[in-house]
C-alpha atoms as a PDB file:
ATOM      1  CA  MET A   1     -29.617 -16.280 -37.954  1.00  0.00           C
ATOM      2  CA  PRO A   2     -29.466 -13.063 -36.087  1.00  0.00           C
ATOM      3  CA  LYS A   3     -25.938 -11.020 -36.710  1.00  0.00           C
ATOM      4  CA  MET A   4     -23.663 -11.117 -33.888  1.00  0.00           C
ATOM      5  CA  ASP A   5     -21.285  -8.192 -32.777  1.00  0.00           C
ATOM      6  CA  TYR A   6     -18.677  -7.375 -29.924  1.00  0.00           C
ATOM      7  CA  ARG A   7     -21.250  -5.235 -28.136  1.00  0.00           C
ATOM      8  CA  ALA A   8     -23.767  -8.461 -27.974  1.00  0.00           C
ATOM      9  CA  ALA A   9     -21.181 -10.379 -26.593  1.00  0.00           C
ATOM     10  CA  GLY A  10     -20.692  -8.027 -23.551  1.00  0.00           C
ATOM     11  CA  VAL A  11     -17.776  -5.807 -24.955  1.00  0.00           C
ATOM     12  CA  ASN A  12     -18.527  -2.033 -25.669  1.00  0.00           C
ATOM     13  CA  LEU A  13     -15.878  -0.657 -27.552  1.00  0.00           C
ATOM     14  CA  ASP A  14     -17.224   2.786 -27.350  1.00  0.00           C
ATOM     15  CA  THR A  15     -17.191   2.694 -23.624  1.00  0.00           C
ATOM     16  CA  ALA A  16     -14.156   1.420 -23.352  1.00  0.00           C
ATOM     17  CA  ASP A  17     -12.524   4.098 -25.803  1.00  0.00           C
ATOM     18  CA  GLU A  18     -13.981   6.653 -23.427  1.00  0.00           C
ATOM     19  CA  ALA A  19     -12.587   5.383 -20.688  1.00  0.00           C
ATOM     20  CA  VAL A  20      -9.301   5.052 -21.906  1.00  0.00           C
ATOM     21  CA  SER A  21      -9.458   8.553 -23.145  1.00  0.00           C
ATOM     22  CA  ARG A  22     -10.259   9.651 -19.682  1.00  0.00           C
ATOM     23  CA  ILE A  23      -7.401   7.613 -18.101  1.00  0.00           C
ATOM     24  CA  ALA A  24      -4.861   9.161 -20.474  1.00  0.00           C
ATOM     25  CA  GLU A  25      -5.595  12.469 -19.566  1.00  0.00           C
ATOM     26  CA  MET A  26      -5.167  12.194 -15.876  1.00  0.00           C
ATOM     27  CA  ALA A  27      -2.007  10.211 -16.953  1.00  0.00           C
ATOM     28  CA  ARG A  28      -0.899  13.162 -18.313  1.00  0.00           C
ATOM     29  CA  THR A  29      -0.929  15.089 -14.967  1.00  0.00           C
ATOM     30  CA  THR A  30       1.392  12.778 -13.498  1.00  0.00           C
ATOM     31  CA  TYR A  31       4.306  12.993 -15.921  1.00  0.00           C
ATOM     32  CA  THR A  32       7.499  13.669 -14.879  1.00  0.00           C
ATOM     33  CA  PRO A  33      10.439  15.121 -17.260  1.00  0.00           C
ATOM     34  CA  GLY A  34      11.704  11.430 -17.547  1.00  0.00           C
ATOM     35  CA  VAL A  35       8.147  10.610 -19.681  1.00  0.00           C
ATOM     36  CA  LEU A  36       8.856  10.472 -23.191  1.00  0.00           C
ATOM     37  CA  ALA A  37       5.465   8.284 -24.141  1.00  0.00           C
ATOM     38  CA  GLY A  38       2.796   7.428 -21.559  1.00  0.00           C
ATOM     39  CA  VAL A  39      -0.410   6.330 -22.090  1.00  0.00           C
ATOM     40  CA  GLY A  40      -1.493   5.725 -25.623  1.00  0.00           C
ATOM     41  CA  PRO A  41       1.154   4.092 -27.662  1.00  0.00           C
ATOM     42  CA  PHE A  42       1.791   0.189 -26.896  1.00  0.00           C
ATOM     43  CA  SER A  43       4.513   1.063 -24.208  1.00  0.00           C
ATOM     44  CA  GLY A  44       5.397   3.493 -21.988  1.00  0.00           C
ATOM     45  CA  LEU A  45       8.728   5.417 -22.258  1.00  0.00           C
ATOM     46  CA  PHE A  46      10.700   6.196 -19.539  1.00  0.00           C
ATOM     47  CA  GLN A  47      14.042   8.043 -19.887  1.00  0.00           C
ATOM     48  CA  LEU A  48      16.597   7.173 -16.747  1.00  0.00           C
ATOM     49  CA  ASP A  49      18.807  10.326 -15.366  1.00  0.00           C
ATOM     50  CA  VAL A  50      21.540   7.476 -15.087  1.00  0.00           C
ATOM     51  CA  SER A  51      24.061  10.433 -14.008  1.00  0.00           C
ATOM     52  CA  LYS A  52      22.732  10.374 -10.450  1.00  0.00           C
ATOM     53  CA  TYR A  53      24.072   6.874 -10.150  1.00  0.00           C
ATOM     54  CA  LYS A  54      27.000   5.266 -10.522  1.00  0.00           C
ATOM     55  CA  GLU A  55      25.650   1.440 -10.764  1.00  0.00           C
ATOM     56  CA  PRO A  56      22.186   2.206 -11.119  1.00  0.00           C
ATOM     57  CA  VAL A  57      19.968  -1.112 -10.476  1.00  0.00           C
ATOM     58  CA  LEU A  58      16.383  -1.384 -11.309  1.00  0.00           C
ATOM     59  CA  VAL A  59      13.987  -2.473  -8.760  1.00  0.00           C
ATOM     60  CA  SER A  60      10.258  -3.482  -9.580  1.00  0.00           C
ATOM     61  CA  SER A  61       7.310  -4.643  -7.861  1.00  0.00           C
ATOM     62  CA  CYS A  62       3.762  -5.728  -8.402  1.00  0.00           C
ATOM     63  CA  ASP A  63       0.658  -5.817  -5.982  1.00  0.00           C
ATOM     64  CA  GLY A  64      -3.052  -5.664  -5.925  1.00  0.00           C
ATOM     65  CA  VAL A  65      -5.542  -3.906  -2.542  1.00  0.00           C
ATOM     66  CA  GLY A  66      -7.075  -7.652  -1.874  1.00  0.00           C
ATOM     67  CA  THR A  67     -10.369  -8.169  -1.180  1.00  0.00           C
ATOM     68  CA  LYS A  68     -10.738  -4.499   0.101  1.00  0.00           C
ATOM     69  CA  LEU A  69     -12.356  -4.220  -3.568  1.00  0.00           C
ATOM     70  CA  LYS A  70     -15.084  -6.188  -2.549  1.00  0.00           C
ATOM     71  CA  LEU A  71     -15.957  -3.182   0.151  1.00  0.00           C
ATOM     72  CA  ALA A  72     -15.551  -0.682  -2.525  1.00  0.00           C
ATOM     73  CA  ILE A  73     -17.908  -2.326  -5.021  1.00  0.00           C
ATOM     74  CA  ARG A  74     -20.567  -2.900  -2.161  1.00  0.00           C
ATOM     75  CA  TRP A  75     -20.514   0.670  -1.290  1.00  0.00           C
ATOM     76  CA  GLY A  76     -19.487   2.258  -4.469  1.00  0.00           C
ATOM     77  CA  HIS A  77     -16.622   3.837  -2.983  1.00  0.00           C
ATOM     78  CA  HIS A  78     -13.719   3.455  -5.885  1.00  0.00           C
ATOM     79  CA  ARG A  79     -11.547   6.587  -5.745  1.00  0.00           C
ATOM     80  CA  THR A  80      -9.443   5.620  -2.616  1.00  0.00           C
ATOM     81  CA  ILE A  81      -8.962   2.139  -3.803  1.00  0.00           C
ATOM     82  CA  GLY A  82      -6.724   3.529  -6.617  1.00  0.00           C
ATOM     83  CA  ALA A  83      -4.516   5.734  -4.179  1.00  0.00           C
ATOM     84  CA  ASP A  84      -4.465   2.412  -1.963  1.00  0.00           C
ATOM     85  CA  LEU A  85      -2.638   0.662  -4.887  1.00  0.00           C
ATOM     86  CA  VAL A  86       0.114   3.273  -5.562  1.00  0.00           C
ATOM     87  CA  ASN A  87       0.911   3.499  -1.871  1.00  0.00           C
ATOM     88  CA  HIS A  88       1.305  -0.339  -1.265  1.00  0.00           C
ATOM     89  CA  CYS A  89       3.584  -0.773  -4.475  1.00  0.00           C
ATOM     90  CA  VAL A  90       5.873   2.508  -3.702  1.00  0.00           C
ATOM     91  CA  ASN A  91       6.231   1.574   0.104  1.00  0.00           C
ATOM     92  CA  ASP A  92       7.105  -2.102  -0.978  1.00  0.00           C
ATOM     93  CA  ILE A  93      10.037  -0.829  -3.378  1.00  0.00           C
ATOM     94  CA  LEU A  94      10.943   1.923  -0.587  1.00  0.00           C
ATOM     95  CA  THR A  95      12.050  -1.113   2.198  1.00  0.00           C
ATOM     96  CA  CYS A  96      15.200  -1.729  -0.266  1.00  0.00           C
ATOM     97  CA  GLY A  97      15.980   2.039  -0.344  1.00  0.00           C
ATOM     98  CA  ALA A  98      14.736   2.795  -4.157  1.00  0.00           C
ATOM     99  CA  GLU A  99      13.536   5.748  -5.144  1.00  0.00           C
ATOM    100  CA  PRO A 100       9.799   5.060  -7.237  1.00  0.00           C
ATOM    101  CA  LEU A 101       9.903   6.387 -10.921  1.00  0.00           C
ATOM    102  CA  ALA A 102       7.189   4.836 -12.687  1.00  0.00           C
ATOM    103  CA  PHE A 103       3.888   3.155 -12.382  1.00  0.00           C
ATOM    104  CA  LEU A 104       1.585   1.029 -14.270  1.00  0.00           C
ATOM    105  CA  ASP A 105      -1.743  -0.327 -13.737  1.00  0.00           C
ATOM    106  CA  TYR A 106      -4.161  -3.529 -14.727  1.00  0.00           C
ATOM    107  CA  LEU A 107      -7.743  -3.116 -14.290  1.00  0.00           C
ATOM    108  CA  ALA A 108     -10.249  -5.741 -15.246  1.00  0.00           C
ATOM    109  CA  VAL A 109     -13.944  -4.931 -15.848  1.00  0.00           C
ATOM    110  CA  ALA A 110     -16.764  -7.371 -16.461  1.00  0.00           C
ATOM    111  CA  ARG A 111     -18.429  -4.541 -18.015  1.00  0.00           C
ATOM    112  CA  MET A 112     -17.021  -1.047 -18.810  1.00  0.00           C
ATOM    113  CA  ASP A 113     -18.729   1.642 -16.547  1.00  0.00           C
ATOM    114  CA  ALA A 114     -16.680   5.019 -17.557  1.00  0.00           C
ATOM    115  CA  ASP A 115     -17.673   6.427 -14.162  1.00  0.00           C
ATOM    116  CA  GLN A 116     -16.746   3.655 -12.300  1.00  0.00           C
ATOM    117  CA  VAL A 117     -13.215   3.383 -13.956  1.00  0.00           C
ATOM    118  CA  SER A 118     -12.360   6.954 -13.882  1.00  0.00           C
ATOM    119  CA  ASP A 119     -13.230   7.089 -10.037  1.00  0.00           C
ATOM    120  CA  VAL A 120     -10.310   4.451  -9.524  1.00  0.00           C
ATOM    121  CA  MET A 121      -8.167   5.586 -11.794  1.00  0.00           C
ATOM    122  CA  ALA A 122      -8.400   9.184 -10.465  1.00  0.00           C
ATOM    123  CA  GLY A 123      -7.189   7.884  -7.226  1.00  0.00           C
ATOM    124  CA  VAL A 124      -4.454   6.132  -9.302  1.00  0.00           C
ATOM    125  CA  ALA A 125      -3.528   9.679 -10.883  1.00  0.00           C
ATOM    126  CA  GLU A 126      -3.723  11.729  -7.689  1.00  0.00           C
ATOM    127  CA  ALA A 127      -1.408   9.085  -5.381  1.00  0.00           C
ATOM    128  CA  CYS A 128       1.169   9.223  -8.438  1.00  0.00           C
ATOM    129  CA  ARG A 129       1.389  12.975  -8.382  1.00  0.00           C
ATOM    130  CA  GLU A 130       1.537  12.918  -4.539  1.00  0.00           C
ATOM    131  CA  ASN A 131       4.735  10.353  -4.653  1.00  0.00           C
ATOM    132  CA  THR A 132       6.181  12.050  -7.913  1.00  0.00           C
ATOM    133  CA  ILE A 133       5.832   8.927 -10.045  1.00  0.00           C
ATOM    134  CA  ALA A 134       4.441   8.911 -13.423  1.00  0.00           C
ATOM    135  CA  LEU A 135       1.728   6.722 -14.585  1.00  0.00           C
ATOM    136  CA  ILE A 136       3.339   5.679 -17.988  1.00  0.00           C
ATOM    137  CA  GLY A 137       0.702   2.839 -18.778  1.00  0.00           C
ATOM    138  CA  GLY A 138      -1.329   0.076 -17.861  1.00  0.00           C
ATOM    139  CA  GLU A 139      -4.251  -2.250 -19.201  1.00  0.00           C
ATOM    140  CA  THR A 140      -8.005  -1.696 -19.253  1.00  0.00           C
ATOM    141  CA  ALA A 141      -9.570  -4.865 -19.783  1.00  0.00           C
ATOM    142  CA  GLU A 142     -13.444  -5.501 -20.210  1.00  0.00           C
ATOM    143  CA  MET A 143     -14.097  -9.526 -19.982  1.00  0.00           C
ATOM    144  CA  PRO A 144     -17.761 -10.668 -19.573  1.00  0.00           C
ATOM    145  CA  GLY A 145     -18.013 -14.200 -18.470  1.00  0.00           C
ATOM    146  CA  LEU A 146     -14.958 -14.224 -15.995  1.00  0.00           C
ATOM    147  CA  TYR A 147     -16.042 -11.352 -13.712  1.00  0.00           C
ATOM    148  CA  LYS A 148     -19.626 -11.219 -12.273  1.00  0.00           C
ATOM    149  CA  LEU A 149     -21.389  -7.691 -13.317  1.00  0.00           C
ATOM    150  CA  GLY A 150     -19.976  -4.879 -11.296  1.00  0.00           C
ATOM    151  CA  ASP A 151     -16.943  -6.283 -10.010  1.00  0.00           C
ATOM    152  CA  TYR A 152     -13.706  -5.399 -11.340  1.00  0.00           C
ATOM    153  CA  ASP A 153      -9.985  -6.433 -10.300  1.00  0.00           C
ATOM    154  CA  LEU A 154      -7.188  -4.218 -10.121  1.00  0.00           C
ATOM    155  CA  ALA A 155      -3.284  -4.725  -9.548  1.00  0.00           C
ATOM    156  CA  GLY A 156      -0.022  -2.159  -9.866  1.00  0.00           C
ATOM    157  CA  PHE A 157       3.184  -2.691 -11.425  1.00  0.00           C
ATOM    158  CA  ILE A 158       5.919   0.063 -10.122  1.00  0.00           C
ATOM    159  CA  THR A 159       9.858   0.592 -11.117  1.00  0.00           C
ATOM    160  CA  GLY A 160      12.387   2.609  -8.980  1.00  0.00           C
ATOM    161  CA  MET A 161      16.157   2.680  -8.999  1.00  0.00           C
ATOM    162  CA  VAL A 162      18.670   2.559  -6.091  1.00  0.00           C
ATOM    163  CA  GLU A 163      22.427   2.638  -6.137  1.00  0.00           C
ATOM    164  CA  LYS A 164      23.976  -0.566  -5.656  1.00  0.00           C
ATOM    165  CA  SER A 165      26.036   0.383  -2.706  1.00  0.00           C
ATOM    166  CA  ALA A 166      22.902   1.758  -0.958  1.00  0.00           C
ATOM    167  CA  ILE A 167      20.645  -1.046  -1.374  1.00  0.00           C
ATOM    168  CA  LEU A 168      18.896  -2.006   1.979  1.00  0.00           C
ATOM    169  CA  ASP A 169      18.540  -5.710   2.649  1.00  0.00           C
ATOM    170  CA  GLY A 170      18.674  -6.009   6.321  1.00  0.00           C
ATOM    171  CA  GLN A 171      22.312  -7.337   6.481  1.00  0.00           C
ATOM    172  CA  ALA A 172      23.636  -4.159   7.914  1.00  0.00           C
ATOM    173  CA  ILE A 173      20.934  -4.490  11.153  1.00  0.00           C
ATOM    174  CA  GLU A 174      22.827  -5.558  14.370  1.00  0.00           C
ATOM    175  CA  SER A 175      22.296  -6.278  18.081  1.00  0.00           C
ATOM    176  CA  GLY A 176      21.704  -2.783  19.778  1.00  0.00           C
ATOM    177  CA  ASN A 177      19.527  -1.252  16.735  1.00  0.00           C
ATOM    178  CA  MET A 178      16.145   0.162  17.542  1.00  0.00           C
ATOM    179  CA  LEU A 179      13.191  -0.569  15.995  1.00  0.00           C
ATOM    180  CA  VAL A 180      10.798   2.680  14.991  1.00  0.00           C
ATOM    181  CA  GLY A 181       7.154   2.100  13.902  1.00  0.00           C
ATOM    182  CA  LEU A 182       5.299   4.568  11.684  1.00  0.00           C
ATOM    183  CA  ALA A 183       1.622   4.796  12.139  1.00  0.00           C
ATOM    184  CA  SER A 184      -0.948   3.451   9.436  1.00  0.00           C
ATOM    185  CA  THR A 185      -4.289   4.791   8.859  1.00  0.00           C
ATOM    186  CA  GLY A 186      -6.199   1.520   9.265  1.00  0.00           C
ATOM    187  CA  PRO A 187      -6.027  -1.808   7.880  1.00  0.00           C
ATOM    188  CA  HIS A 188      -4.651  -0.449   4.711  1.00  0.00           C
ATOM    189  CA  THR A 189      -4.959  -3.217   2.155  1.00  0.00           C
ATOM    190  CA  ASN A 190      -4.474  -6.614   4.447  1.00  0.00           C
ATOM    191  CA  GLY A 191      -6.987  -8.618   6.182  1.00  0.00           C
ATOM    192  CA  TYR A 192     -10.158  -7.669   4.623  1.00  0.00           C
ATOM    193  CA  SER A 193     -11.334 -11.190   4.327  1.00  0.00           C
ATOM    194  CA  LEU A 194     -11.560 -11.331   8.055  1.00  0.00           C
ATOM    195  CA  VAL A 195     -13.329  -7.858   7.814  1.00  0.00           C
ATOM    196  CA  ARG A 196     -15.898  -8.110   5.647  1.00  0.00           C
ATOM    197  CA  ARG A 197     -16.824 -11.348   7.760  1.00  0.00           C
ATOM    198  CA  ILE A 198     -16.808  -9.431  10.490  1.00  0.00           C
ATOM    199  CA  LEU A 199     -18.898  -6.578   9.494  1.00  0.00           C
ATOM    200  CA  PHE A 200     -21.475  -8.646   7.151  1.00  0.00           C
ATOM    201  CA  ASP A 201     -21.492 -12.235   8.774  1.00  0.00           C
ATOM    202  CA  GLN A 202     -21.035 -11.197  12.469  1.00  0.00           C
ATOM    203  CA  ASP A 203     -23.355  -8.147  12.140  1.00  0.00           C
ATOM    204  CA  SER A 204     -24.461  -5.818   9.312  1.00  0.00           C
ATOM    205  CA  TYR A 205     -22.782  -2.366   8.913  1.00  0.00           C
ATOM    206  CA  ASP A 206     -23.413   0.240   6.152  1.00  0.00           C
ATOM    207  CA  LEU A 207     -20.672   2.936   4.830  1.00  0.00           C
ATOM    208  CA  GLU A 208     -22.605   5.828   6.955  1.00  0.00           C
ATOM    209  CA  ASP A 209     -22.859   3.855  10.106  1.00  0.00           C
ATOM    210  CA  ARG A 210     -21.104   5.602  12.978  1.00  0.00           C
ATOM    211  CA  PRO A 211     -20.673   3.052  15.996  1.00  0.00           C
ATOM    212  CA  GLU A 212     -19.314   4.595  19.413  1.00  0.00           C
ATOM    213  CA  ALA A 213     -16.067   2.255  19.290  1.00  0.00           C
ATOM    214  CA  LEU A 214     -15.015   4.251  16.138  1.00  0.00           C
ATOM    215  CA  GLU A 215     -15.039   7.273  18.052  1.00  0.00           C
ATOM    216  CA  GLY A 216     -16.741   9.767  15.588  1.00  0.00           C
ATOM    217  CA  ALA A 217     -15.760   7.894  12.454  1.00  0.00           C
ATOM    218  CA  THR A 218     -18.374   6.303  10.095  1.00  0.00           C
ATOM    219  CA  VAL A 219     -17.614   2.540   9.045  1.00  0.00           C
ATOM    220  CA  GLY A 220     -16.545   3.418   5.833  1.00  0.00           C
ATOM    221  CA  GLU A 221     -14.239   6.273   6.925  1.00  0.00           C
ATOM    222  CA  ALA A 222     -12.431   3.642   9.296  1.00  0.00           C
ATOM    223  CA  VAL A 223     -12.018   0.909   6.863  1.00  0.00           C
ATOM    224  CA  MET A 224     -11.754   2.440   3.673  1.00  0.00           C
ATOM    225  CA  ALA A 225      -8.969   4.851   5.050  1.00  0.00           C
ATOM    226  CA  VAL A 226      -6.186   5.346   2.228  1.00  0.00           C
ATOM    227  CA  HIS A 227      -3.162   2.970   2.738  1.00  0.00           C
ATOM    228  CA  ARG A 228      -0.716   5.527   3.570  1.00  0.00           C
ATOM    229  CA  SER A 229       2.482   6.055   1.589  1.00  0.00           C
ATOM    230  CA  TYR A 230       5.482   6.447   3.557  1.00  0.00           C
ATOM    231  CA  ARG A 231       7.807   7.941   0.690  1.00  0.00           C
ATOM    232  CA  SER A 232       7.953  11.329   1.948  1.00  0.00           C
ATOM    233  CA  VAL A 233       9.161  10.416   5.690  1.00  0.00           C
ATOM    234  CA  VAL A 234      11.764   7.993   4.043  1.00  0.00           C
ATOM    235  CA  ASP A 235      13.115  11.168   1.688  1.00  0.00           C
ATOM    236  CA  ALA A 236      13.493  13.199   4.494  1.00  0.00           C
ATOM    237  CA  MET A 237      15.565  10.556   6.328  1.00  0.00           C
ATOM    238  CA  ARG A 238      18.067  10.243   3.536  1.00  0.00           C
ATOM    239  CA  GLY A 239      21.706  11.572   4.461  1.00  0.00           C
ATOM    240  CA  GLU A 240      20.599  12.348   7.821  1.00  0.00           C
ATOM    241  CA  ILE A 241      19.591   8.866   9.393  1.00  0.00           C
ATOM    242  CA  ASP A 242      21.520   5.877   9.105  1.00  0.00           C
ATOM    243  CA  ILE A 243      18.914   3.480   7.952  1.00  0.00           C
ATOM    244  CA  ARG A 244      19.695   0.175   8.605  1.00  0.00           C
ATOM    245  CA  GLY A 245      16.570  -1.713   7.131  1.00  0.00           C
ATOM    246  CA  MET A 246      12.859  -1.055   6.779  1.00  0.00           C
ATOM    247  CA  ALA A 247       9.988  -3.399   6.715  1.00  0.00           C
ATOM    248  CA  HIS A 248       6.461  -2.406   5.050  1.00  0.00           C
ATOM    249  CA  ILE A 249       3.486  -4.066   7.402  1.00  0.00           C
ATOM    250  CA  THR A 250       1.543  -5.927   5.153  1.00  0.00           C
ATOM    251  CA  GLY A 251      -0.751  -9.539   5.554  1.00  0.00           C
ATOM    252  CA  GLY A 252       0.945 -11.199   8.412  1.00  0.00           C
ATOM    253  CA  GLY A 253       1.269  -8.223  10.907  1.00  0.00           C
ATOM    254  CA  VAL A 254       4.630  -6.954  12.279  1.00  0.00           C
ATOM    255  CA  GLU A 255       5.949 -10.486  13.249  1.00  0.00           C
ATOM    256  CA  GLY A 256       5.582 -11.872   9.439  1.00  0.00           C
ATOM    257  CA  ASN A 257       7.015  -9.052   7.931  1.00  0.00           C
ATOM    258  CA  LEU A 258       9.872  -7.366   9.940  1.00  0.00           C
ATOM    259  CA  GLU A 259      11.406 -10.873  10.237  1.00  0.00           C
ATOM    260  CA  ARG A 260      11.746 -10.692   6.098  1.00  0.00           C
ATOM    261  CA  ILE A 261      14.682  -8.488   6.558  1.00  0.00           C
ATOM    262  CA  LEU A 262      16.369  -9.871   9.737  1.00  0.00           C
ATOM    263  CA  PRO A 263      19.973 -11.623   9.336  1.00  0.00           C
ATOM    264  CA  ASP A 264      20.275 -14.818  10.881  1.00  0.00           C
ATOM    265  CA  ASN A 265      21.801 -13.797  13.907  1.00  0.00           C
ATOM    266  CA  CYS A 266      19.463 -10.985  15.260  1.00  0.00           C
ATOM    267  CA  GLN A 267      16.266 -11.171  16.747  1.00  0.00           C
ATOM    268  CA  ALA A 268      13.493  -8.564  17.093  1.00  0.00           C
ATOM    269  CA  ALA A 269      11.455  -7.837  20.377  1.00  0.00           C
ATOM    270  CA  VAL A 270       8.360  -5.879  19.734  1.00  0.00           C
ATOM    271  CA  ASP A 271       6.382  -4.144  22.524  1.00  0.00           C
ATOM    272  CA  THR A 272       2.592  -3.820  21.099  1.00  0.00           C
ATOM    273  CA  SER A 273       2.277  -1.546  24.100  1.00  0.00           C
ATOM    274  CA  ASN A 274       4.533   1.157  22.919  1.00  0.00           C
ATOM    275  CA  TRP A 275       1.950   2.486  20.461  1.00  0.00           C
ATOM    276  CA  PRO A 276      -1.954   3.488  20.449  1.00  0.00           C
ATOM    277  CA  VAL A 277      -3.976   0.684  18.522  1.00  0.00           C
ATOM    278  CA  LEU A 278      -6.673   2.432  16.494  1.00  0.00           C
ATOM    279  CA  PRO A 279     -10.107   2.413  17.349  1.00  0.00           C
ATOM    280  CA  VAL A 280     -11.007   0.454  13.791  1.00  0.00           C
ATOM    281  CA  PHE A 281      -8.890  -2.229  14.785  1.00  0.00           C
ATOM    282  CA  ARG A 282     -10.490  -2.346  18.583  1.00  0.00           C
ATOM    283  CA  PHE A 283     -14.162  -1.923  16.864  1.00  0.00           C
ATOM    284  CA  LEU A 284     -13.264  -5.308  14.489  1.00  0.00           C
ATOM    285  CA  GLN A 285     -11.956  -7.158  17.470  1.00  0.00           C
ATOM    286  CA  HIS A 286     -14.686  -6.483  19.443  1.00  0.00           C
ATOM    287  CA  VAL A 287     -17.413  -7.417  17.152  1.00  0.00           C
ATOM    288  CA  GLY A 288     -15.963  -9.881  15.648  1.00  0.00           C
ATOM    289  CA  GLY A 289     -14.724 -11.717  18.612  1.00  0.00           C
ATOM    290  CA  VAL A 290     -10.992 -11.888  17.681  1.00  0.00           C
ATOM    291  CA  GLU A 291      -8.285 -13.047  20.079  1.00  0.00           C
ATOM    292  CA  SER A 292      -5.477 -10.701  20.443  1.00  0.00           C
ATOM    293  CA  ALA A 293      -2.551 -12.823  18.637  1.00  0.00           C
ATOM    294  CA  GLU A 294      -4.674 -12.988  15.667  1.00  0.00           C
ATOM    295  CA  MET A 295      -5.185  -9.869  15.460  1.00  0.00           C
ATOM    296  CA  TYR A 296      -1.652  -8.853  15.517  1.00  0.00           C
ATOM    297  CA  ARG A 297      -1.373 -11.872  13.458  1.00  0.00           C
ATOM    298  CA  VAL A 298      -3.737 -10.577  10.376  1.00  0.00           C
ATOM    299  CA  PHE A 299      -3.327  -6.767  10.924  1.00  0.00           C
ATOM    300  CA  ASN A 300      -0.976  -4.218  11.169  1.00  0.00           C
ATOM    301  CA  MET A 301      -2.700  -2.987  14.384  1.00  0.00           C
ATOM    302  CA  GLY A 302      -1.500   0.546  13.599  1.00  0.00           C
ATOM    303  CA  ILE A 303       2.129   0.386  12.434  1.00  0.00           C
ATOM    304  CA  GLY A 304       2.625   0.569   8.858  1.00  0.00           C
ATOM    305  CA  TYR A 305       6.174   0.567   8.535  1.00  0.00           C
ATOM    306  CA  ILE A 306       9.042  -0.422  10.805  1.00  0.00           C
ATOM    307  CA  ILE A 307      12.699   1.551  10.211  1.00  0.00           C
ATOM    308  CA  VAL A 308      15.546   0.188  11.935  1.00  0.00           C
ATOM    309  CA  VAL A 309      18.068   2.516  13.256  1.00  0.00           C
ATOM    310  CA  ASP A 310      20.999   3.012  15.379  1.00  0.00           C
ATOM    311  CA  ASN A 311      19.777   3.808  19.097  1.00  0.00           C
ATOM    312  CA  GLU A 312      21.195   7.261  18.837  1.00  0.00           C
ATOM    313  CA  GLN A 313      19.062   8.042  15.944  1.00  0.00           C
ATOM    314  CA  VAL A 314      15.585   7.047  17.492  1.00  0.00           C
ATOM    315  CA  LYS A 315      14.604  10.555  18.649  1.00  0.00           C
ATOM    316  CA  ARG A 316      15.609  12.033  15.256  1.00  0.00           C
ATOM    317  CA  THR A 317      13.900   9.310  13.585  1.00  0.00           C
ATOM    318  CA  ILE A 318      10.886  10.189  15.134  1.00  0.00           C
ATOM    319  CA  GLU A 319      11.025  13.724  14.740  1.00  0.00           C
ATOM    320  CA  ILE A 320      11.453  13.616  11.032  1.00  0.00           C
ATOM    321  CA  SER A 321       8.396  11.102  10.821  1.00  0.00           C
ATOM    322  CA  GLU A 322       6.112  13.565  12.828  1.00  0.00           C
ATOM    323  CA  ASN A 323       7.282  16.511  10.987  1.00  0.00           C
ATOM    324  CA  ALA A 324       6.464  15.124   7.704  1.00  0.00           C
ATOM    325  CA  GLY A 325       2.731  14.336   9.320  1.00  0.00           C
ATOM    326  CA  VAL A 326       3.392  10.480  10.787  1.00  0.00           C
ATOM    327  CA  PRO A 327       2.994   9.765  14.087  1.00  0.00           C
ATOM    328  CA  ALA A 328       6.097   7.414  15.104  1.00  0.00           C
ATOM    329  CA  TYR A 329       7.172   5.481  18.185  1.00  0.00           C
ATOM    330  CA  GLN A 330      10.067   3.530  19.439  1.00  0.00           C
ATOM    331  CA  ILE A 331       8.500  -0.257  19.738  1.00  0.00           C
ATOM    332  CA  GLY A 332      11.261  -2.558  19.739  1.00  0.00           C
ATOM    333  CA  HIS A 333      14.682  -3.536  19.924  1.00  0.00           C
ATOM    334  CA  ILE A 334      17.055  -5.713  18.058  1.00  0.00           C
ATOM    335  CA  SER A 335      19.280  -8.621  20.158  1.00  0.00           C
ATOM    336  CA  PRO A 336      21.365 -11.486  19.553  1.00  0.00           C
ATOM    337  CA  GLY A 337      19.371 -14.640  19.079  1.00  0.00           C
ATOM    338  CA  PRO A 338      18.114 -16.832  16.377  1.00  0.00           C
ATOM    339  CA  ARG A 339      16.514 -15.103  13.520  1.00  0.00           C
ATOM    340  CA  GLY A 340      12.639 -14.152  14.513  1.00  0.00           C
ATOM    341  CA  VAL A 341      10.541 -11.732  15.835  1.00  0.00           C
ATOM    342  CA  ILE A 342       8.912 -12.135  19.713  1.00  0.00           C
ATOM    343  CA  VAL A 343       5.747  -9.829  19.755  1.00  0.00           C
ATOM    344  CA  SER A 344       4.419  -8.911  23.193  1.00  0.00           C
ATOM    345  CA  THR A 345       0.631  -8.987  22.512  1.00  0.00           C
ATOM    346  CA  PRO A 346      -1.881  -8.224  25.568  1.00  0.00           C
ATOM    347  CA  SER A 347      -3.867 -11.426  26.609  1.00  0.00           C
END
């Protein structure tokens, strides 16, 4: 009977050790003063500076990047996926007013490829540095038999802090408030099952194809554009703008996500003619023959984040966002009525 070992079963511990070593080195570049122990021990340790808060409240979230992973795998385009993950998680906890502090990741592969793993985690580390949060740990799992060779899965876990009295839950939103939409970079991390069907079932596109409709961009540049983080914009507004509520526009589009923060007696009206639709969405709609209503239900259509403010602060809110490098638009308003969102879409 032949001898068996872990490598014969599909798990290479030496390659796994090499990958973890690379990850630990990248993680150290993200450390902030609160990190006591990061990647290496069995747990990450982060010391909270409670002097900044009277009633500190922990805010946590987890998410993934959906089937955008399939495009990354198909095209060998892994680095931006890690940044997508971090920025998505950051935006989620920003919506309640939190300051992001620490991040953990989960990466599962069929077979360990140290270079592939390093590409993904380089994107994670880079985005952590840009968002000033510490990558303090995670899990890298090799699971042959559960995933197809070459496939991997990725998830992120984020923790932040907010002063209890400063929590944004949408209850401060009232009639007369205005909606300021912050521009997205593309589909971000949502709607990629439809993206893939359009690109590969309706027609067959490659990473370097440059259709005229994309106005100079390649298919890869358009659909793999990094999910934008809005932390710099929100941080710049703290103390100056009376933010009534914020919504991260993910799966379900503007309507599905804005409704989540509205109080029962408020209705939001959104005018889609108030912002430019990005070329990538016009391209996908044309190639796929997708109806406008479906496009706005699935994709962000160019608006990745919405901030609800007083009417008097709309102009300054837009100025702050654009000074931070993010185009912004007044896209609608709040009125009395049953809780819901009315989105005017082109026919």
